[in-house]
Amino acid sequence: MSHPAPYAVRLADEIARQLGLLTDHLAQLPPHEAVQVIASVLDPEDGLLDGVTGLVSVSSTFAKAQAERGALPAEVWLALGRAANDLDAIGGNLDEHRATLRLVGAQPATTAAKPPAPAPLVIRRHR
């Protein structure tokens, strides 16, 4: 007889499932609602990105302790630490856009007679 997965594993599985549903919904939402979802995901206090960053950071701390005991290879700890740092940097890069997303998401949806002119896309590389 197999044992049921621990609560935390079931919770992680359910969160992953819910993220898939959110992704599917986001792809089909009208622009106004999609911007609201994106702003919520990027919220610096209660947003999904901040939560995932915290989860990876705690995972890195756990992996460090396990690596020091010899239970995990040090590479696992280092990879999780890099991932936490990268996610934190991504959040920092998005900070400047959070206010714009909140503002656009707070505006009532309108049906404009003439769509706005598209903005040119600029690729910025930070090194």
C-alpha atoms as a PDB file:
ATOM      1  CA  MET A   1       0.000   0.000   0.000  1.00  0.00           C
ATOM      2  CA  SER A   2       1.510   3.321  -1.019  1.00  0.00           C
ATOM      3  CA  HIS A   3       1.476   6.242   1.374  1.00  0.00           C
ATOM      4  CA  PRO A   4      -0.257   9.446   0.302  1.00  0.00           C
ATOM      5  CA  ALA A   5       2.013  12.358  -0.525  1.00  0.00           C
ATOM      6  CA  PRO A   6       2.663  14.712   2.393  1.00  0.00           C
ATOM      7  CA  TYR A   7       0.535  17.840   2.579  1.00  0.00           C
ATOM      8  CA  ALA A   8       3.333  20.144   1.367  1.00  0.00           C
ATOM      9  CA  VAL A   9       3.888  18.008  -1.752  1.00  0.00           C
ATOM     10  CA  ARG A  10       0.155  17.988  -2.497  1.00  0.00           C
ATOM     11  CA  LEU A  11       0.080  21.760  -1.939  1.00  0.00           C
ATOM     12  CA  ALA A  12       2.990  22.284  -4.359  1.00  0.00           C
ATOM     13  CA  ASP A  13       1.248  20.090  -6.941  1.00  0.00           C
ATOM     14  CA  GLU A  14      -1.999  22.045  -6.543  1.00  0.00           C
ATOM     15  CA  ILE A  15      -0.211  25.398  -6.850  1.00  0.00           C
ATOM     16  CA  ALA A  16       1.503  24.193 -10.037  1.00  0.00           C
ATOM     17  CA  ARG A  17      -1.871  23.101 -11.406  1.00  0.00           C
ATOM     18  CA  GLN A  18      -3.424  26.455 -10.514  1.00  0.00           C
ATOM     19  CA  LEU A  19      -0.522  28.275 -12.217  1.00  0.00           C
ATOM     20  CA  GLY A  20      -1.237  26.324 -15.376  1.00  0.00           C
ATOM     21  CA  LEU A  21      -4.892  27.370 -15.185  1.00  0.00           C
ATOM     22  CA  LEU A  22      -3.902  30.997 -14.613  1.00  0.00           C
ATOM     23  CA  THR A  23      -1.593  30.872 -17.628  1.00  0.00           C
ATOM     24  CA  ASP A  24      -4.389  29.450 -19.779  1.00  0.00           C
ATOM     25  CA  HIS A  25      -6.825  32.132 -18.589  1.00  0.00           C
ATOM     26  CA  LEU A  26      -4.311  34.945 -19.058  1.00  0.00           C
ATOM     27  CA  ALA A  27      -3.795  33.964 -22.678  1.00  0.00           C
ATOM     28  CA  GLN A  28      -7.539  34.358 -23.309  1.00  0.00           C
ATOM     29  CA  LEU A  29      -8.392  37.438 -21.227  1.00  0.00           C
ATOM     30  CA  PRO A  30      -9.255  40.787 -22.755  1.00  0.00           C
ATOM     31  CA  PRO A  31      -6.279  43.174 -22.508  1.00  0.00           C
ATOM     32  CA  HIS A  32      -7.724  45.201 -19.626  1.00  0.00           C
ATOM     33  CA  GLU A  33      -8.186  42.118 -17.453  1.00  0.00           C
ATOM     34  CA  ALA A  34      -4.862  40.603 -18.504  1.00  0.00           C
ATOM     35  CA  VAL A  35      -3.059  43.738 -17.319  1.00  0.00           C
ATOM     36  CA  GLN A  36      -4.819  43.439 -13.944  1.00  0.00           C
ATOM     37  CA  VAL A  37      -3.657  39.832 -13.602  1.00  0.00           C
ATOM     38  CA  ILE A  38      -0.088  40.726 -14.579  1.00  0.00           C
ATOM     39  CA  ALA A  39      -0.048  43.610 -12.077  1.00  0.00           C
ATOM     40  CA  SER A  40      -1.264  41.229  -9.384  1.00  0.00           C
ATOM     41  CA  VAL A  41       1.397  38.660 -10.257  1.00  0.00           C
ATOM     42  CA  LEU A  42       4.096  41.341 -10.003  1.00  0.00           C
ATOM     43  CA  ASP A  43       2.789  42.957  -6.807  1.00  0.00           C
ATOM     44  CA  PRO A  44       5.911  43.388  -4.641  1.00  0.00           C
ATOM     45  CA  GLU A  45       4.182  42.460  -1.375  1.00  0.00           C
ATOM     46  CA  ASP A  46       1.605  39.819  -2.227  1.00  0.00           C
ATOM     47  CA  GLY A  47       2.453  38.900  -5.796  1.00  0.00           C
ATOM     48  CA  LEU A  48       3.243  35.554  -7.257  1.00  0.00           C
ATOM     49  CA  LEU A  49       6.737  36.495  -8.412  1.00  0.00           C
ATOM     50  CA  ASP A  50       7.725  37.608  -4.928  1.00  0.00           C
ATOM     51  CA  GLY A  51       6.265  34.406  -3.475  1.00  0.00           C
ATOM     52  CA  VAL A  52       8.174  32.190  -5.890  1.00  0.00           C
ATOM     53  CA  THR A  53      11.363  34.152  -5.222  1.00  0.00           C
ATOM     54  CA  GLY A  54      10.893  33.611  -1.479  1.00  0.00           C
ATOM     55  CA  LEU A  55      10.200  29.919  -1.976  1.00  0.00           C
ATOM     56  CA  VAL A  56      13.365  29.440  -4.032  1.00  0.00           C
ATOM     57  CA  SER A  57      15.361  31.439  -1.480  1.00  0.00           C
ATOM     58  CA  VAL A  58      14.131  29.226   1.375  1.00  0.00           C
ATOM     59  CA  SER A  59      14.873  26.184  -0.785  1.00  0.00           C
ATOM     60  CA  SER A  60      18.429  27.457  -1.224  1.00  0.00           C
ATOM     61  CA  THR A  61      18.846  27.853   2.533  1.00  0.00           C
ATOM     62  CA  PHE A  62      17.561  24.315   3.054  1.00  0.00           C
ATOM     63  CA  ALA A  63      19.849  22.948   0.325  1.00  0.00           C
ATOM     64  CA  LYS A  64      22.848  24.706   1.886  1.00  0.00           C
ATOM     65  CA  ALA A  65      22.235  22.981   5.214  1.00  0.00           C
ATOM     66  CA  GLN A  66      21.792  19.645   3.455  1.00  0.00           C
ATOM     67  CA  ALA A  67      24.948  20.187   1.390  1.00  0.00           C
ATOM     68  CA  GLU A  68      26.920  20.958   4.544  1.00  0.00           C
ATOM     69  CA  ARG A  69      25.731  17.611   5.968  1.00  0.00           C
ATOM     70  CA  GLY A  70      26.672  15.835   2.746  1.00  0.00           C
ATOM     71  CA  ALA A  71      23.053  14.907   1.959  1.00  0.00           C
ATOM     72  CA  LEU A  72      22.929  17.021  -1.213  1.00  0.00           C
ATOM     73  CA  PRO A  73      25.644  17.987  -3.659  1.00  0.00           C
ATOM     74  CA  ALA A  74      26.862  21.560  -3.213  1.00  0.00           C
ATOM     75  CA  GLU A  75      25.890  22.205  -6.842  1.00  0.00           C
ATOM     76  CA  VAL A  76      22.213  21.917  -5.894  1.00  0.00           C
ATOM     77  CA  TRP A  77      22.597  24.610  -3.251  1.00  0.00           C
ATOM     78  CA  LEU A  78      24.567  26.842  -5.628  1.00  0.00           C
ATOM     79  CA  ALA A  79      22.012  26.426  -8.420  1.00  0.00           C
ATOM     80  CA  LEU A  80      19.127  27.298  -6.088  1.00  0.00           C
ATOM     81  CA  GLY A  81      21.042  30.301  -4.786  1.00  0.00           C
ATOM     82  CA  ARG A  82      21.666  31.538  -8.335  1.00  0.00           C
ATOM     83  CA  ALA A  83      18.014  30.990  -9.203  1.00  0.00           C
ATOM     84  CA  ALA A  84      16.901  32.992  -6.151  1.00  0.00           C
ATOM     85  CA  ASN A  85      19.291  35.800  -7.073  1.00  0.00           C
ATOM     86  CA  ASP A  86      18.132  35.767 -10.700  1.00  0.00           C
ATOM     87  CA  LEU A  87      14.465  35.882  -9.696  1.00  0.00           C
ATOM     88  CA  ASP A  88      15.195  38.763  -7.333  1.00  0.00           C
ATOM     89  CA  ALA A  89      16.973  40.615 -10.151  1.00  0.00           C
ATOM     90  CA  ILE A  90      14.038  39.977 -12.484  1.00  0.00           C
ATOM     91  CA  GLY A  91      11.696  41.418  -9.875  1.00  0.00           C
ATOM     92  CA  GLY A  92      13.961  44.450  -9.591  1.00  0.00           C
ATOM     93  CA  ASN A  93      13.959  44.910 -13.365  1.00  0.00           C
ATOM     94  CA  LEU A  94      10.157  44.846 -13.360  1.00  0.00           C
ATOM     95  CA  ASP A  95       9.811  47.331 -10.477  1.00  0.00           C
ATOM     96  CA  GLU A  96       9.821  50.331 -12.791  1.00  0.00           C
ATOM     97  CA  HIS A  97       6.816  48.924 -14.668  1.00  0.00           C
ATOM     98  CA  ARG A  98       4.582  47.988 -11.734  1.00  0.00           C
ATOM     99  CA  ALA A  99       3.069  51.465 -11.368  1.00  0.00           C
ATOM    100  CA  THR A 100       2.241  51.576 -15.076  1.00  0.00           C
ATOM    101  CA  LEU A 101       0.590  48.169 -14.927  1.00  0.00           C
ATOM    102  CA  ARG A 102      -1.450  49.165 -11.863  1.00  0.00           C
ATOM    103  CA  LEU A 103      -2.517  52.411 -13.539  1.00  0.00           C
ATOM    104  CA  VAL A 104      -3.527  50.737 -16.803  1.00  0.00           C
ATOM    105  CA  GLY A 105      -5.287  47.932 -14.938  1.00  0.00           C
ATOM    106  CA  ALA A 106      -7.265  50.424 -12.827  1.00  0.00           C
ATOM    107  CA  GLN A 107      -8.654  52.258 -15.858  1.00  0.00           C
ATOM    108  CA  PRO A 108     -12.089  51.143 -16.998  1.00  0.00           C
ATOM    109  CA  ALA A 109     -12.160  49.076 -20.151  1.00  0.00           C
ATOM    110  CA  THR A 110     -13.170  51.172 -23.117  1.00  0.00           C
ATOM    111  CA  THR A 111     -14.074  50.399 -26.652  1.00  0.00           C
ATOM    112  CA  ALA A 112     -12.159  52.929 -28.634  1.00  0.00           C
ATOM    113  CA  ALA A 113     -13.296  53.829 -32.110  1.00  0.00           C
ATOM    114  CA  LYS A 114      -9.690  53.995 -33.198  1.00  0.00           C
ATOM    115  CA  PRO A 115      -7.138  51.654 -31.644  1.00  0.00           C
ATOM    116  CA  PRO A 116      -4.057  53.325 -30.179  1.00  0.00           C
ATOM    117  CA  ALA A 117      -0.991  53.551 -32.364  1.00  0.00           C
ATOM    118  CA  PRO A 118       1.386  50.673 -31.708  1.00  0.00           C
ATOM    119  CA  ALA A 119       4.572  51.604 -29.906  1.00  0.00           C
ATOM    120  CA  PRO A 120       7.892  50.580 -31.399  1.00  0.00           C
ATOM    121  CA  LEU A 121       9.498  47.740 -29.490  1.00  0.00           C
ATOM    122  CA  VAL A 122      12.942  48.342 -28.112  1.00  0.00           C
ATOM    123  CA  ILE A 123      15.194  45.597 -26.865  1.00  0.00           C
ATOM    124  CA  ARG A 124      17.443  46.623 -24.016  1.00  0.00           C
ATOM    125  CA  ARG A 125      20.257  44.415 -22.902  1.00  0.00           C
ATOM    126  CA  HIS A 126      21.733  44.819 -19.444  1.00  0.00           C
ATOM    127  CA  ARG A 127      25.134  43.375 -18.852  1.00  0.00           C
END
